[in-house]
C-alpha atoms as a PDB file:
ATOM      1  CA  ALA A   1     -37.587 -51.553  38.714  1.00  0.00           C
ATOM      2  CA  LEU A   2     -34.068 -52.176  37.392  1.00  0.00           C
ATOM      3  CA  ALA A   3     -35.360 -52.627  33.867  1.00  0.00           C
ATOM      4  CA  ASP A   4     -36.993 -49.198  34.140  1.00  0.00           C
ATOM      5  CA  ALA A   5     -33.848 -47.409  35.329  1.00  0.00           C
ATOM      6  CA  ALA A   6     -33.216 -44.273  33.324  1.00  0.00           C
ATOM      7  CA  LEU A   7     -30.311 -41.882  33.314  1.00  0.00           C
ATOM      8  CA  GLU A   8     -31.122 -38.651  35.119  1.00  0.00           C
ATOM      9  CA  PRO A   9     -30.740 -35.703  32.752  1.00  0.00           C
ATOM     10  CA  GLY A  10     -27.297 -34.183  33.196  1.00  0.00           C
ATOM     11  CA  ALA A  11     -25.899 -37.119  35.196  1.00  0.00           C
ATOM     12  CA  LEU A  12     -23.122 -37.942  32.757  1.00  0.00           C
ATOM     13  CA  GLU A  13     -22.195 -34.269  32.397  1.00  0.00           C
ATOM     14  CA  ALA A  14     -22.098 -33.847  36.187  1.00  0.00           C
ATOM     15  CA  VAL A  15     -19.848 -36.854  36.753  1.00  0.00           C
ATOM     16  CA  THR A  16     -17.515 -36.157  33.837  1.00  0.00           C
ATOM     17  CA  GLY A  17     -17.493 -32.473  34.774  1.00  0.00           C
ATOM     18  CA  ALA A  18     -16.396 -33.306  38.314  1.00  0.00           C
ATOM     19  CA  ARG A  19     -13.711 -35.692  37.082  1.00  0.00           C
ATOM     20  CA  GLY A  20     -12.537 -33.162  34.512  1.00  0.00           C
ATOM     21  CA  ARG A  21     -11.978 -30.724  37.367  1.00  0.00           C
ATOM     22  CA  GLY A  22      -9.747 -33.222  39.163  1.00  0.00           C
ATOM     23  CA  PHE A  23     -12.312 -34.627  41.568  1.00  0.00           C
ATOM     24  CA  ALA A  24     -12.494 -38.331  42.334  1.00  0.00           C
ATOM     25  CA  THR A  25     -16.034 -39.620  41.899  1.00  0.00           C
ATOM     26  CA  ALA A  26     -17.730 -42.222  44.046  1.00  0.00           C
ATOM     27  CA  VAL A  27     -21.142 -43.773  44.482  1.00  0.00           C
ATOM     28  CA  TRP A  28     -22.132 -44.332  48.130  1.00  0.00           C
ATOM     29  CA  THR A  29     -25.433 -46.197  48.231  1.00  0.00           C
ATOM     30  CA  ASN A  30     -27.471 -48.293  50.627  1.00  0.00           C
ATOM     31  CA  ASN A  31     -28.442 -50.536  47.692  1.00  0.00           C
ATOM     32  CA  ALA A  32     -26.863 -53.940  47.030  1.00  0.00           C
ATOM     33  CA  ARG A  33     -23.714 -54.162  44.893  1.00  0.00           C
ATOM     34  CA  VAL A  34     -25.161 -56.475  42.240  1.00  0.00           C
ATOM     35  CA  CYS A  35     -28.098 -54.125  41.585  1.00  0.00           C
ATOM     36  CA  THR A  36     -25.986 -50.969  41.715  1.00  0.00           C
ATOM     37  CA  ILE A  37     -23.336 -52.245  39.303  1.00  0.00           C
ATOM     38  CA  HIS A  38     -26.014 -53.569  36.954  1.00  0.00           C
ATOM     39  CA  VAL A  39     -27.734 -50.173  36.770  1.00  0.00           C
ATOM     40  CA  LEU A  40     -24.463 -48.231  36.409  1.00  0.00           C
ATOM     41  CA  GLU A  41     -23.398 -50.524  33.568  1.00  0.00           C
ATOM     42  CA  GLN A  42     -26.840 -50.411  31.933  1.00  0.00           C
ATOM     43  CA  LEU A  43     -26.673 -46.607  31.968  1.00  0.00           C
ATOM     44  CA  ALA A  44     -23.023 -46.567  30.795  1.00  0.00           C
ATOM     45  CA  LEU A  45     -21.979 -44.684  33.950  1.00  0.00           C
ATOM     46  CA  ALA A  46     -19.778 -47.338  35.569  1.00  0.00           C
ATOM     47  CA  PRO A  47     -16.516 -46.299  33.858  1.00  0.00           C
ATOM     48  CA  HIS A  48     -16.979 -42.715  35.041  1.00  0.00           C
ATOM     49  CA  PHE A  49     -16.734 -43.519  38.753  1.00  0.00           C
ATOM     50  CA  ASP A  50     -13.480 -44.073  40.593  1.00  0.00           C
ATOM     51  CA  LEU A  51     -15.218 -46.014  43.333  1.00  0.00           C
ATOM     52  CA  VAL A  52     -18.587 -47.634  44.000  1.00  0.00           C
ATOM     53  CA  ILE A  53     -19.431 -48.632  47.550  1.00  0.00           C
ATOM     54  CA  THR A  54     -22.661 -50.339  48.484  1.00  0.00           C
ATOM     55  CA  ARG A  55     -24.319 -51.865  51.525  1.00  0.00           C
ATOM     56  CA  ASP A  56     -22.063 -54.870  50.905  1.00  0.00           C
ATOM     57  CA  ASP A  57     -18.977 -52.762  51.699  1.00  0.00           C
ATOM     58  CA  PHE A  58     -19.815 -51.035  54.984  1.00  0.00           C
ATOM     59  CA  ARG A  59     -21.161 -52.020  58.379  1.00  0.00           C
ATOM     60  CA  ARG A  60     -23.927 -49.481  58.908  1.00  0.00           C
ATOM     61  CA  LEU A  61     -26.273 -47.932  56.349  1.00  0.00           C
ATOM     62  CA  LYS A  62     -26.783 -44.219  55.797  1.00  0.00           C
ATOM     63  CA  PRO A  63     -27.505 -42.015  57.623  1.00  0.00           C
ATOM     64  CA  ASP A  64     -24.561 -43.508  59.517  1.00  0.00           C
ATOM     65  CA  PRO A  65     -21.305 -42.152  58.000  1.00  0.00           C
ATOM     66  CA  ASP A  66     -19.608 -45.573  57.908  1.00  0.00           C
ATOM     67  CA  GLY A  67     -19.711 -45.581  54.111  1.00  0.00           C
ATOM     68  CA  PHE A  68     -17.499 -42.510  54.054  1.00  0.00           C
ATOM     69  CA  ARG A  69     -14.981 -44.359  56.253  1.00  0.00           C
ATOM     70  CA  VAL A  70     -14.760 -46.945  53.472  1.00  0.00           C
ATOM     71  CA  ILE A  71     -14.369 -44.222  50.839  1.00  0.00           C
ATOM     72  CA  ARG A  72     -11.458 -42.706  52.814  1.00  0.00           C
ATOM     73  CA  GLU A  73      -9.815 -46.126  53.114  1.00  0.00           C
ATOM     74  CA  ARG A  74     -10.116 -46.817  49.390  1.00  0.00           C
ATOM     75  CA  LEU A  75      -9.214 -43.297  48.243  1.00  0.00           C
ATOM     76  CA  PRO A  76      -6.405 -42.533  50.727  1.00  0.00           C
ATOM     77  CA  ARG A  77      -5.261 -39.337  48.978  1.00  0.00           C
ATOM     78  CA  LEU A  78      -8.701 -37.791  49.407  1.00  0.00           C
ATOM     79  CA  THR A  79      -8.405 -34.389  51.092  1.00  0.00           C
ATOM     80  CA  GLU A  80     -11.836 -32.862  50.465  1.00  0.00           C
ATOM     81  CA  ALA A  81     -15.230 -34.253  49.627  1.00  0.00           C
ATOM     82  CA  VAL A  82     -18.808 -33.204  49.052  1.00  0.00           C
ATOM     83  CA  VAL A  83     -21.929 -35.364  49.157  1.00  0.00           C
ATOM     84  CA  VAL A  84     -24.536 -34.896  46.435  1.00  0.00           C
ATOM     85  CA  GLY A  85     -27.787 -36.627  47.256  1.00  0.00           C
ATOM     86  CA  ASP A  86     -31.526 -36.571  46.810  1.00  0.00           C
ATOM     87  CA  SER A  87     -32.763 -37.337  50.309  1.00  0.00           C
ATOM     88  CA  TRP A  88     -32.545 -36.378  53.952  1.00  0.00           C
ATOM     89  CA  VAL A  89     -30.702 -39.654  54.592  1.00  0.00           C
ATOM     90  CA  ASP A  90     -27.862 -38.421  52.374  1.00  0.00           C
ATOM     91  CA  GLY A  91     -27.876 -35.091  54.184  1.00  0.00           C
ATOM     92  CA  LEU A  92     -27.661 -36.686  57.627  1.00  0.00           C
ATOM     93  CA  ALA A  93     -24.874 -39.001  56.444  1.00  0.00           C
ATOM     94  CA  ALA A  94     -22.963 -36.008  55.073  1.00  0.00           C
ATOM     95  CA  ARG A  95     -23.403 -34.092  58.329  1.00  0.00           C
ATOM     96  CA  ALA A  96     -22.286 -37.083  60.406  1.00  0.00           C
ATOM     97  CA  ALA A  97     -19.190 -37.392  58.185  1.00  0.00           C
ATOM     98  CA  ARG A  98     -18.626 -33.609  58.512  1.00  0.00           C
ATOM     99  CA  LEU A  99     -19.017 -33.077  54.784  1.00  0.00           C
ATOM    100  CA  PRO A 100     -20.912 -30.426  52.856  1.00  0.00           C
ATOM    101  CA  PHE A 101     -24.162 -31.635  51.338  1.00  0.00           C
ATOM    102  CA  ILE A 102     -25.594 -30.568  47.994  1.00  0.00           C
ATOM    103  CA  ALA A 103     -29.269 -31.464  47.727  1.00  0.00           C
ATOM    104  CA  TYR A 104     -30.460 -32.580  44.306  1.00  0.00           C
ATOM    105  CA  ARG A 105     -34.247 -32.328  44.008  1.00  0.00           C
ATOM    106  CA  ALA A 106     -34.607 -33.327  47.652  1.00  0.00           C
ATOM    107  CA  ASP A 107     -37.947 -32.973  49.405  1.00  0.00           C
ATOM    108  CA  GLU A 108     -37.596 -29.678  51.293  1.00  0.00           C
ATOM    109  CA  ARG A 109     -40.104 -30.699  53.976  1.00  0.00           C
ATOM    110  CA  GLU A 110     -38.205 -33.908  54.702  1.00  0.00           C
ATOM    111  CA  LEU A 111     -34.887 -32.055  54.834  1.00  0.00           C
ATOM    112  CA  ALA A 112     -36.364 -29.567  57.320  1.00  0.00           C
ATOM    113  CA  ARG A 113     -38.057 -32.296  59.367  1.00  0.00           C
ATOM    114  CA  HIS A 114     -34.681 -33.995  59.853  1.00  0.00           C
ATOM    115  CA  GLY A 115     -32.759 -30.759  60.393  1.00  0.00           C
ATOM    116  CA  VAL A 116     -30.744 -31.060  57.181  1.00  0.00           C
ATOM    117  CA  VAL A 117     -29.396 -27.751  55.877  1.00  0.00           C
ATOM    118  CA  PRO A 118     -27.705 -28.243  52.493  1.00  0.00           C
ATOM    119  CA  ARG A 119     -24.734 -26.153  51.448  1.00  0.00           C
ATOM    120  CA  ALA A 120     -26.557 -25.762  48.132  1.00  0.00           C
ATOM    121  CA  ARG A 121     -29.674 -26.971  46.347  1.00  0.00           C
ATOM    122  CA  ILE A 122     -29.757 -27.920  42.692  1.00  0.00           C
ATOM    123  CA  THR A 123     -32.607 -28.936  40.433  1.00  0.00           C
ATOM    124  CA  ALA A 124     -30.384 -29.882  37.484  1.00  0.00           C
ATOM    125  CA  LEU A 125     -27.288 -32.066  37.698  1.00  0.00           C
ATOM    126  CA  THR A 126     -25.619 -29.830  35.120  1.00  0.00           C
ATOM    127  CA  ASP A 127     -25.508 -27.193  37.891  1.00  0.00           C
ATOM    128  CA  LEU A 128     -23.007 -29.309  39.844  1.00  0.00           C
ATOM    129  CA  PRO A 129     -19.748 -28.564  37.960  1.00  0.00           C
ATOM    130  CA  PRO A 130     -20.145 -24.760  38.294  1.00  0.00           C
ATOM    131  CA  LEU A 131     -20.844 -25.223  42.021  1.00  0.00           C
ATOM    132  CA  LEU A 132     -17.631 -27.210  42.343  1.00  0.00           C
ATOM    133  CA  ASP A 133     -15.802 -24.394  40.554  1.00  0.00           C
ATOM    134  CA  ALA A 134     -17.229 -21.989  43.129  1.00  0.00           C
ATOM    135  CA  GLY A 135     -15.887 -24.106  45.989  1.00  0.00           C
ATOM    136  CA  ALA A 136     -19.098 -25.810  47.056  1.00  0.00           C
END
């Protein structure tokens, strides 16, 4: 599966667009560090993130918000945050951390089944920077 990893269209533009607007960027994933770093490096995304936290860094997996505790510890000047994710697990983690959630191509039935109400829904990652400009 790692060998088949492909960059989502607009991913680089979304991350660099967020950073260009003064946002810190972080990956918060339930995957293992070695796999996550490998894929980020393979896709040339690693240098564009300020922080990468994986299951190796926190005690409880999403939907528990423990990963965001680690993000706050490692980015102590963080005052605001938004979670962008593609699943209900991301939405529940965002809600538990009291953060807005932007759903990227998430399954609407699964979001509804788990009571996840995103602040916004996007189908293209290039839609993220304008949402950030609008205060999402």
